[in-house]
C-alpha atoms as a PDB file:
ATOM      1  CA  MET A   1       9.981  35.512 -22.446  1.00  0.00           C
ATOM      2  CA  PHE A   2       9.889  33.178 -25.461  1.00  0.00           C
ATOM      3  CA  THR A   3      11.362  33.879 -28.875  1.00  0.00           C
ATOM      4  CA  HIS A   4       9.448  31.098 -30.621  1.00  0.00           C
ATOM      5  CA  VAL A   5       7.734  27.735 -30.372  1.00  0.00           C
ATOM      6  CA  MET A   6       8.903  24.939 -32.671  1.00  0.00           C
ATOM      7  CA  ILE A   7       6.931  21.766 -33.294  1.00  0.00           C
ATOM      8  CA  GLY A   8       7.604  18.757 -35.455  1.00  0.00           C
ATOM      9  CA  SER A   9       5.598  17.540 -38.412  1.00  0.00           C
ATOM     10  CA  ASN A  10       5.708  14.421 -40.529  1.00  0.00           C
ATOM     11  CA  ASP A  11       4.086  16.234 -43.455  1.00  0.00           C
ATOM     12  CA  LEU A  12       4.974  19.905 -43.898  1.00  0.00           C
ATOM     13  CA  GLU A  13       2.516  20.493 -46.757  1.00  0.00           C
ATOM     14  CA  ARG A  14      -0.355  19.130 -44.654  1.00  0.00           C
ATOM     15  CA  SER A  15       0.789  21.393 -41.810  1.00  0.00           C
ATOM     16  CA  ARG A  16       1.015  24.360 -44.167  1.00  0.00           C
ATOM     17  CA  ASP A  17      -2.584  23.805 -45.304  1.00  0.00           C
ATOM     18  CA  PHE A  18      -3.813  23.628 -41.702  1.00  0.00           C
ATOM     19  CA  TYR A  19      -1.804  26.540 -40.263  1.00  0.00           C
ATOM     20  CA  ASP A  20      -2.272  28.829 -43.286  1.00  0.00           C
ATOM     21  CA  ALA A  21      -6.036  28.422 -42.845  1.00  0.00           C
ATOM     22  CA  THR A  22      -6.078  28.847 -39.061  1.00  0.00           C
ATOM     23  CA  PHE A  23      -3.786  31.889 -39.048  1.00  0.00           C
ATOM     24  CA  ALA A  24      -5.768  33.482 -41.897  1.00  0.00           C
ATOM     25  CA  ALA A  25      -8.866  33.143 -39.701  1.00  0.00           C
ATOM     26  CA  LEU A  26      -7.035  35.215 -37.060  1.00  0.00           C
ATOM     27  CA  GLY A  27      -5.943  37.844 -39.575  1.00  0.00           C
ATOM     28  CA  GLY A  28      -2.447  36.392 -39.984  1.00  0.00           C
ATOM     29  CA  GLN A  29      -0.362  35.701 -43.047  1.00  0.00           C
ATOM     30  CA  PRO A  30       0.526  32.383 -44.723  1.00  0.00           C
ATOM     31  CA  GLY A  31       3.664  30.659 -43.506  1.00  0.00           C
ATOM     32  CA  GLU A  32       6.972  30.943 -45.281  1.00  0.00           C
ATOM     33  CA  MET A  33       9.521  28.185 -45.751  1.00  0.00           C
ATOM     34  CA  ASP A  34      13.036  29.190 -44.733  1.00  0.00           C
ATOM     35  CA  ALA A  35      16.282  27.991 -46.326  1.00  0.00           C
ATOM     36  CA  ARG A  36      16.499  25.130 -43.797  1.00  0.00           C
ATOM     37  CA  GLY A  37      13.055  23.783 -44.735  1.00  0.00           C
ATOM     38  CA  ARG A  38      11.198  25.084 -41.676  1.00  0.00           C
ATOM     39  CA  LEU A  39       7.725  26.547 -42.009  1.00  0.00           C
ATOM     40  CA  ILE A  40       7.509  29.878 -40.141  1.00  0.00           C
ATOM     41  CA  TYR A  41       4.450  31.829 -39.002  1.00  0.00           C
ATOM     42  CA  LEU A  42       4.617  35.315 -37.511  1.00  0.00           C
ATOM     43  CA  HIS A  43       1.602  36.591 -35.566  1.00  0.00           C
ATOM     44  CA  ASP A  44       1.237  39.407 -33.027  1.00  0.00           C
ATOM     45  CA  GLY A  45       4.963  39.423 -32.262  1.00  0.00           C
ATOM     46  CA  GLY A  46       5.219  35.650 -31.786  1.00  0.00           C
ATOM     47  CA  ARG A  47       6.744  33.022 -34.037  1.00  0.00           C
ATOM     48  CA  LEU A  48       5.582  29.450 -34.609  1.00  0.00           C
ATOM     49  CA  MET A  49       8.006  27.227 -36.486  1.00  0.00           C
ATOM     50  CA  ILE A  50       7.194  23.800 -37.904  1.00  0.00           C
ATOM     51  CA  THR A  51       9.891  21.386 -39.023  1.00  0.00           C
ATOM     52  CA  LYS A  52      10.657  17.792 -39.738  1.00  0.00           C
ATOM     53  CA  PRO A  53      12.716  16.529 -36.774  1.00  0.00           C
ATOM     54  CA  ILE A  54      16.427  17.053 -37.371  1.00  0.00           C
ATOM     55  CA  ASP A  55      17.247  13.599 -35.939  1.00  0.00           C
ATOM     56  CA  GLY A  56      15.356  11.963 -38.821  1.00  0.00           C
ATOM     57  CA  LYS A  57      12.907  10.197 -36.497  1.00  0.00           C
ATOM     58  CA  PRO A  58       9.122  10.676 -36.733  1.00  0.00           C
ATOM     59  CA  ALA A  59       7.615  13.795 -35.168  1.00  0.00           C
ATOM     60  CA  THR A  60       5.575  13.135 -32.029  1.00  0.00           C
ATOM     61  CA  THR A  61       3.378  15.342 -29.851  1.00  0.00           C
ATOM     62  CA  ALA A  62       4.085  16.660 -26.377  1.00  0.00           C
ATOM     63  CA  ASN A  63       1.904  14.801 -23.883  1.00  0.00           C
ATOM     64  CA  GLY A  64       0.444  17.483 -21.624  1.00  0.00           C
ATOM     65  CA  GLY A  65       1.643  20.334 -23.828  1.00  0.00           C
ATOM     66  CA  THR A  66      -0.596  23.036 -25.290  1.00  0.00           C
ATOM     67  CA  ILE A  67       0.314  25.902 -27.602  1.00  0.00           C
ATOM     68  CA  GLY A  68      -1.867  28.982 -27.032  1.00  0.00           C
ATOM     69  CA  ILE A  69      -2.541  31.480 -29.810  1.00  0.00           C
ATOM     70  CA  ALA A  70      -3.947  34.957 -29.104  1.00  0.00           C
ATOM     71  CA  ALA A  71      -7.172  35.893 -30.862  1.00  0.00           C
ATOM     72  CA  ALA A  72      -8.657  39.377 -31.060  1.00  0.00           C
ATOM     73  CA  SER A  73     -12.255  38.334 -30.426  1.00  0.00           C
ATOM     74  CA  ARG A  74     -14.785  35.553 -29.950  1.00  0.00           C
ATOM     75  CA  GLN A  75     -15.498  35.724 -33.693  1.00  0.00           C
ATOM     76  CA  HIS A  76     -11.805  35.146 -34.471  1.00  0.00           C
ATOM     77  CA  VAL A  77     -11.735  32.111 -32.158  1.00  0.00           C
ATOM     78  CA  LEU A  78     -14.789  30.654 -33.903  1.00  0.00           C
ATOM     79  CA  ALA A  79     -13.310  31.330 -37.364  1.00  0.00           C
ATOM     80  CA  TRP A  80      -9.999  29.758 -36.263  1.00  0.00           C
ATOM     81  CA  HIS A  81     -11.808  26.656 -34.982  1.00  0.00           C
ATOM     82  CA  GLU A  82     -13.839  26.324 -38.189  1.00  0.00           C
ATOM     83  CA  ALA A  83     -10.750  26.760 -40.384  1.00  0.00           C
ATOM     84  CA  GLY A  84      -8.888  24.177 -38.321  1.00  0.00           C
ATOM     85  CA  THR A  85     -11.582  21.503 -38.475  1.00  0.00           C
ATOM     86  CA  THR A  86     -12.026  22.142 -42.201  1.00  0.00           C
ATOM     87  CA  HIS A  87      -8.286  21.689 -42.832  1.00  0.00           C
ATOM     88  CA  GLY A  88      -7.546  18.449 -41.008  1.00  0.00           C
ATOM     89  CA  GLY A  89      -7.719  19.453 -37.343  1.00  0.00           C
ATOM     90  CA  ILE A  90      -9.832  17.695 -34.727  1.00  0.00           C
ATOM     91  CA  SER A  91     -11.951  19.583 -32.204  1.00  0.00           C
ATOM     92  CA  ILE A  92     -11.083  18.476 -28.669  1.00  0.00           C
ATOM     93  CA  GLU A  93     -11.975  19.057 -25.002  1.00  0.00           C
ATOM     94  CA  SER A  94     -15.246  20.939 -25.445  1.00  0.00           C
ATOM     95  CA  PRO A  95     -17.000  23.060 -28.027  1.00  0.00           C
ATOM     96  CA  PRO A  96     -15.656  26.624 -28.253  1.00  0.00           C
ATOM     97  CA  LYS A  97     -16.897  28.439 -25.169  1.00  0.00           C
ATOM     98  CA  GLU A  98     -16.524  31.327 -22.789  1.00  0.00           C
ATOM     99  CA  ARG A  99     -14.504  30.721 -19.633  1.00  0.00           C
ATOM    100  CA  PRO A 100     -15.505  32.143 -16.217  1.00  0.00           C
ATOM    101  CA  ASN A 101     -12.953  34.970 -16.655  1.00  0.00           C
ATOM    102  CA  GLY A 102     -14.623  36.054 -19.918  1.00  0.00           C
ATOM    103  CA  ALA A 103     -11.979  34.640 -22.287  1.00  0.00           C
ATOM    104  CA  PHE A 104     -13.442  32.753 -25.252  1.00  0.00           C
ATOM    105  CA  VAL A 105     -11.481  29.584 -26.098  1.00  0.00           C
ATOM    106  CA  ALA A 106     -11.386  26.681 -28.530  1.00  0.00           C
ATOM    107  CA  TYR A 107      -9.077  23.670 -28.699  1.00  0.00           C
ATOM    108  CA  LEU A 108      -7.866  21.581 -31.631  1.00  0.00           C
ATOM    109  CA  ARG A 109      -5.392  18.846 -32.411  1.00  0.00           C
ATOM    110  CA  ASP A 110      -3.475  19.773 -35.554  1.00  0.00           C
ATOM    111  CA  PRO A 111      -2.952  17.114 -38.264  1.00  0.00           C
ATOM    112  CA  ASP A 112       0.171  15.848 -36.433  1.00  0.00           C
ATOM    113  CA  GLY A 113      -1.650  15.674 -33.085  1.00  0.00           C
ATOM    114  CA  HIS A 114      -0.294  18.825 -31.403  1.00  0.00           C
ATOM    115  CA  LYS A 115      -2.766  20.407 -28.980  1.00  0.00           C
ATOM    116  CA  ILE A 116      -3.393  24.065 -29.789  1.00  0.00           C
ATOM    117  CA  THR A 117      -5.821  26.643 -28.497  1.00  0.00           C
ATOM    118  CA  ALA A 118      -6.999  30.049 -29.624  1.00  0.00           C
ATOM    119  CA  ARG A 119      -8.319  32.401 -26.975  1.00  0.00           C
ATOM    120  CA  SER A 120      -9.516  35.937 -26.715  1.00  0.00           C
ATOM    121  CA  GLN A 121      -8.476  38.180 -23.819  1.00  0.00           C
ATOM    122  CA  PRO A 122     -10.391  37.798 -20.538  1.00  0.00           C
ATOM    123  CA  THR A 123     -13.053  40.422 -19.941  1.00  0.00           C
ATOM    124  CA  LYS A 124     -13.316  40.047 -16.162  1.00  0.00           C
END
């Protein structure tokens, strides 16, 4: 359904440090900067793009919005969470945990305040 998700950042190098580390924990590759100055991550067929807002105003977060990232296993979710908190993210909601459907999830705020989650596939 979606081709990509794009979020704003006020500091692309800080975002690169955070997202390079969290995607590496999931087995992904470092982001690449395109000719328009957008940071692009490809992972499991999806694309996350990070940019300074084109209107020149500060980037803000989506109140109520969450970006979900697929993880292969519980261990990947834990590694993602650790990489995120080590690279400027803040753990939110609850510690990483298993949901009633068997999915293992963790939540972070990235350095710009975007709410992101990594989750494994449900087992039930």
